[in-house]
C-alpha atoms as a PDB file:
ATOM      1  CA  MET A   1       0.839 -16.979   9.464  1.00  0.00           C
ATOM      2  CA  LYS A   2      -1.166 -13.896   8.502  1.00  0.00           C
ATOM      3  CA  VAL A   3       0.429 -10.603   7.561  1.00  0.00           C
ATOM      4  CA  VAL A   4      -1.837  -7.854   8.845  1.00  0.00           C
ATOM      5  CA  ASP A   5       0.327  -4.958   7.646  1.00  0.00           C
ATOM      6  CA  SER A   6      -1.531  -2.654   5.271  1.00  0.00           C
ATOM      7  CA  VAL A   7      -0.829  -2.127   1.581  1.00  0.00           C
ATOM      8  CA  GLY A   8      -0.414   1.533   2.500  1.00  0.00           C
ATOM      9  CA  MET A   9       2.821   0.528   4.248  1.00  0.00           C
ATOM     10  CA  ILE A  10       4.050  -1.024   0.997  1.00  0.00           C
ATOM     11  CA  ILE A  11       3.183   2.120  -0.968  1.00  0.00           C
ATOM     12  CA  LYS A  12       4.968   4.241   1.641  1.00  0.00           C
ATOM     13  CA  GLU A  13       8.116   2.108   1.393  1.00  0.00           C
ATOM     14  CA  LYS A  14       8.244   1.630  -2.381  1.00  0.00           C
ATOM     15  CA  GLY A  15       6.893   5.033  -3.318  1.00  0.00           C
ATOM     16  CA  GLY A  16       3.673   6.034  -4.940  1.00  0.00           C
ATOM     17  CA  ASP A  17       4.859   6.336  -8.527  1.00  0.00           C
ATOM     18  CA  VAL A  18       1.894   5.678 -10.765  1.00  0.00           C
ATOM     19  CA  TRP A  19       2.437   5.052 -14.442  1.00  0.00           C
ATOM     20  CA  PHE A  20      -0.625   5.525 -16.598  1.00  0.00           C
ATOM     21  CA  ILE A  21      -1.807   6.008 -20.132  1.00  0.00           C
ATOM     22  CA  GLY A  22      -4.938   7.469 -21.696  1.00  0.00           C
ATOM     23  CA  PRO A  23      -7.700   5.280 -23.131  1.00  0.00           C
ATOM     24  CA  ASP A  24      -7.188   6.598 -26.675  1.00  0.00           C
ATOM     25  CA  ALA A  25      -3.496   5.660 -26.839  1.00  0.00           C
ATOM     26  CA  THR A  26      -2.640   2.612 -28.893  1.00  0.00           C
ATOM     27  CA  VAL A  27      -1.756  -0.687 -27.298  1.00  0.00           C
ATOM     28  CA  TYR A  28       1.671  -0.329 -28.921  1.00  0.00           C
ATOM     29  CA  GLU A  29       2.205   2.984 -27.093  1.00  0.00           C
ATOM     30  CA  ALA A  30       1.184   1.290 -23.843  1.00  0.00           C
ATOM     31  CA  LEU A  31       3.706  -1.500 -24.457  1.00  0.00           C
ATOM     32  CA  GLU A  32       6.441   1.056 -25.154  1.00  0.00           C
ATOM     33  CA  ALA A  33       5.611   2.833 -21.884  1.00  0.00           C
ATOM     34  CA  MET A  34       5.621  -0.454 -19.951  1.00  0.00           C
ATOM     35  CA  ALA A  35       9.016  -1.363 -21.402  1.00  0.00           C
ATOM     36  CA  ASP A  36      10.381   2.123 -20.691  1.00  0.00           C
ATOM     37  CA  LYS A  37       9.157   2.103 -17.082  1.00  0.00           C
ATOM     38  CA  ARG A  38       9.982  -1.595 -16.621  1.00  0.00           C
ATOM     39  CA  VAL A  39       6.504  -2.447 -15.372  1.00  0.00           C
ATOM     40  CA  GLY A  40       4.002  -5.140 -16.320  1.00  0.00           C
ATOM     41  CA  ALA A  41       0.891  -2.963 -16.257  1.00  0.00           C
ATOM     42  CA  LEU A  42      -0.290   0.605 -16.646  1.00  0.00           C
ATOM     43  CA  LEU A  43      -3.316   2.273 -15.196  1.00  0.00           C
ATOM     44  CA  VAL A  44      -5.690   3.707 -17.768  1.00  0.00           C
ATOM     45  CA  MET A  45      -6.683   7.178 -16.635  1.00  0.00           C
ATOM     46  CA  GLN A  46      -8.422  10.208 -18.019  1.00  0.00           C
ATOM     47  CA  ALA A  47      -8.842  13.570 -16.284  1.00  0.00           C
ATOM     48  CA  GLY A  48      -7.396  12.056 -13.093  1.00  0.00           C
ATOM     49  CA  LYS A  49      -9.965   9.248 -12.956  1.00  0.00           C
ATOM     50  CA  LEU A  50      -9.123   5.555 -13.048  1.00  0.00           C
ATOM     51  CA  LEU A  51     -10.865   3.890 -15.996  1.00  0.00           C
ATOM     52  CA  GLY A  52      -9.122   0.534 -16.010  1.00  0.00           C
ATOM     53  CA  ILE A  53      -5.791  -1.235 -16.247  1.00  0.00           C
ATOM     54  CA  ILE A  54      -3.827  -2.717 -19.135  1.00  0.00           C
ATOM     55  CA  SER A  55      -1.231  -5.426 -18.656  1.00  0.00           C
ATOM     56  CA  GLU A  56       1.164  -7.497 -20.694  1.00  0.00           C
ATOM     57  CA  ARG A  57      -1.283 -10.338 -20.180  1.00  0.00           C
ATOM     58  CA  ASP A  58      -4.052  -8.291 -21.833  1.00  0.00           C
ATOM     59  CA  TYR A  59      -1.747  -7.731 -24.797  1.00  0.00           C
ATOM     60  CA  ALA A  60      -0.897 -11.416 -25.117  1.00  0.00           C
ATOM     61  CA  ARG A  61      -4.482 -12.616 -24.877  1.00  0.00           C
ATOM     62  CA  LYS A  62      -6.437  -9.839 -26.558  1.00  0.00           C
ATOM     63  CA  ILE A  63      -4.041  -8.711 -29.279  1.00  0.00           C
ATOM     64  CA  ILE A  64      -1.533 -11.419 -30.204  1.00  0.00           C
ATOM     65  CA  LEU A  65      -3.803 -14.438 -29.771  1.00  0.00           C
ATOM     66  CA  ALA A  66      -6.736 -12.594 -31.354  1.00  0.00           C
ATOM     67  CA  GLY A  67      -4.672 -11.565 -34.402  1.00  0.00           C
ATOM     68  CA  ARG A  68      -5.194  -7.842 -33.808  1.00  0.00           C
ATOM     69  CA  SER A  69      -2.755  -5.002 -34.401  1.00  0.00           C
ATOM     70  CA  SER A  70      -1.226  -3.275 -31.388  1.00  0.00           C
ATOM     71  CA  LYS A  71      -0.445  -0.218 -33.519  1.00  0.00           C
ATOM     72  CA  THR A  72      -4.082   0.470 -34.379  1.00  0.00           C
ATOM     73  CA  THR A  73      -6.013  -0.902 -31.400  1.00  0.00           C
ATOM     74  CA  PRO A  74      -6.792   1.635 -28.674  1.00  0.00           C
ATOM     75  CA  VAL A  75      -6.049   0.753 -25.068  1.00  0.00           C
ATOM     76  CA  SER A  76      -9.748   1.198 -24.238  1.00  0.00           C
ATOM     77  CA  ASP A  77     -10.575  -1.834 -26.418  1.00  0.00           C
ATOM     78  CA  ILE A  78      -8.560  -4.294 -24.334  1.00  0.00           C
ATOM     79  CA  MET A  79      -8.153  -2.765 -20.870  1.00  0.00           C
ATOM     80  CA  SER A  80      -9.649  -4.518 -17.875  1.00  0.00           C
ATOM     81  CA  SER A  81     -12.428  -2.260 -16.683  1.00  0.00           C
ATOM     82  CA  PRO A  82     -13.444  -1.484 -14.091  1.00  0.00           C
ATOM     83  CA  ALA A  83     -10.144  -2.218 -12.377  1.00  0.00           C
ATOM     84  CA  LEU A  84     -10.263  -4.079  -9.095  1.00  0.00           C
ATOM     85  CA  THR A  85      -8.859  -1.807  -6.400  1.00  0.00           C
ATOM     86  CA  VAL A  86      -7.915  -1.815  -2.737  1.00  0.00           C
ATOM     87  CA  ASN A  87      -7.484   1.002  -0.248  1.00  0.00           C
ATOM     88  CA  ALA A  88      -4.427   1.834   1.845  1.00  0.00           C
ATOM     89  CA  GLU A  89      -5.929   0.116   4.899  1.00  0.00           C
ATOM     90  CA  THR A  90      -6.382  -3.222   3.108  1.00  0.00           C
ATOM     91  CA  SER A  91      -4.198  -5.882   4.695  1.00  0.00           C
ATOM     92  CA  VAL A  92      -1.434  -7.540   2.726  1.00  0.00           C
ATOM     93  CA  ASP A  93      -3.212 -10.880   3.235  1.00  0.00           C
ATOM     94  CA  ASP A  94      -6.513  -9.527   1.883  1.00  0.00           C
ATOM     95  CA  ALA A  95      -4.769  -8.009  -1.137  1.00  0.00           C
ATOM     96  CA  MET A  96      -3.008 -11.308  -1.839  1.00  0.00           C
ATOM     97  CA  HIS A  97      -6.331 -13.137  -1.523  1.00  0.00           C
ATOM     98  CA  THR A  98      -7.932 -10.743  -4.044  1.00  0.00           C
ATOM     99  CA  MET A  99      -5.082 -11.205  -6.513  1.00  0.00           C
ATOM    100  CA  THR A 100      -5.215 -14.971  -6.156  1.00  0.00           C
ATOM    101  CA  GLU A 101      -8.994 -15.188  -6.417  1.00  0.00           C
ATOM    102  CA  TYR A 102      -9.214 -12.998  -9.526  1.00  0.00           C
ATOM    103  CA  ARG A 103      -5.907 -14.173 -11.040  1.00  0.00           C
ATOM    104  CA  ILE A 104      -4.491 -10.688 -11.402  1.00  0.00           C
ATOM    105  CA  ARG A 105      -0.982  -9.388 -10.793  1.00  0.00           C
ATOM    106  CA  HIS A 106      -1.560  -5.671 -10.157  1.00  0.00           C
ATOM    107  CA  LEU A 107      -3.900  -3.731  -7.870  1.00  0.00           C
ATOM    108  CA  PRO A 108      -4.373   0.030  -7.831  1.00  0.00           C
ATOM    109  CA  VAL A 109      -4.555   1.538  -4.337  1.00  0.00           C
ATOM    110  CA  VAL A 110      -7.233   4.236  -4.109  1.00  0.00           C
ATOM    111  CA  ASP A 111      -8.609   6.546  -1.441  1.00  0.00           C
ATOM    112  CA  SER A 112     -12.282   6.971  -0.498  1.00  0.00           C
ATOM    113  CA  GLU A 113     -12.842   9.370  -3.429  1.00  0.00           C
ATOM    114  CA  GLY A 114     -11.274   6.990  -5.929  1.00  0.00           C
ATOM    115  CA  ASN A 115      -8.003   8.920  -6.271  1.00  0.00           C
ATOM    116  CA  VAL A 116      -5.060   6.649  -7.021  1.00  0.00           C
ATOM    117  CA  SER A 117      -2.273   6.706  -4.438  1.00  0.00           C
ATOM    118  CA  GLY A 118      -0.201   3.876  -5.905  1.00  0.00           C
ATOM    119  CA  ILE A 119      -0.212   0.411  -7.390  1.00  0.00           C
ATOM    120  CA  ILE A 120       0.978  -2.851  -5.895  1.00  0.00           C
ATOM    121  CA  SER A 121       2.059  -5.993  -7.686  1.00  0.00           C
ATOM    122  CA  VAL A 122       2.006  -9.588  -6.569  1.00  0.00           C
ATOM    123  CA  GLY A 123       5.805  -9.303  -6.392  1.00  0.00           C
ATOM    124  CA  ASP A 124       5.495  -6.424  -3.921  1.00  0.00           C
ATOM    125  CA  LEU A 125       3.217  -8.534  -1.732  1.00  0.00           C
ATOM    126  CA  VAL A 126       5.428 -11.624  -1.865  1.00  0.00           C
ATOM    127  CA  LYS A 127       8.494  -9.550  -0.968  1.00  0.00           C
ATOM    128  CA  TRP A 128       6.629  -7.952   1.962  1.00  0.00           C
ATOM    129  CA  ILE A 129       5.380 -11.324   3.233  1.00  0.00           C
ATOM    130  CA  ILE A 130       8.842 -12.897   3.050  1.00  0.00           C
ATOM    131  CA  THR A 131      10.407  -9.967   4.915  1.00  0.00           C
ATOM    132  CA  SER A 132       7.664 -10.089   7.546  1.00  0.00           C
ATOM    133  CA  HIS A 133       8.182 -13.816   8.101  1.00  0.00           C
ATOM    134  CA  GLU A 134      11.961 -13.397   8.290  1.00  0.00           C
ATOM    135  CA  GLN A 135      11.513 -10.716  10.972  1.00  0.00           C
ATOM    136  CA  THR A 136       9.148 -12.947  12.939  1.00  0.00           C
ATOM    137  CA  ILE A 137      11.598 -15.856  12.774  1.00  0.00           C
ATOM    138  CA  GLU A 138      14.435 -13.603  13.960  1.00  0.00           C
ATOM    139  CA  GLN A 139      12.329 -12.353  16.875  1.00  0.00           C
ATOM    140  CA  LEU A 140      11.432 -15.924  17.851  1.00  0.00           C
ATOM    141  CA  GLU A 141      15.066 -17.021  17.649  1.00  0.00           C
ATOM    142  CA  ASN A 142      16.097 -14.099  19.844  1.00  0.00           C
ATOM    143  CA  TYR A 143      13.341 -14.934  22.318  1.00  0.00           C
ATOM    144  CA  ILE A 144      14.368 -18.584  22.483  1.00  0.00           C
ATOM    145  CA  SER A 145      18.073 -17.752  22.879  1.00  0.00           C
ATOM    146  CA  GLY A 146      17.343 -15.048  25.452  1.00  0.00           C
ATOM    147  CA  ALA A 147      18.911 -12.287  23.335  1.00  0.00           C
ATOM    148  CA  PRO A 148      17.626  -8.766  24.022  1.00  0.00           C
ATOM    149  CA  ALA A 149      14.908  -7.581  21.626  1.00  0.00           C
END
């Protein structure tokens, strides 16, 4: 069953808080910010423009496993750039397909000029899909039992 709701609806419900860091910050500073904000990724921005994204996965693969220092490595050295993005009109299904195809867990939501309006995670999408399916099941049960809508 497809979920045709837009990611803009998710941003509207969860809020458009966007946590970001500059490209010259150290990876350690990015990790501190992620821990402080309790998020798994930060957008990398400069002068209001999206340059990329850094995630805990980037840290694990590009710092720890590569034997590099998080305290001296700048975010720009390991960020994923350019970041894959979606717009507010993108369907939840299409966003999930993009995340699955590219094996990513976070997608910035941008407008036609590239301004960031929010970020969605795979967890946000899964939660939305589950809620949507539960609502559909409830509507079908009400229909079958003859309960008013």
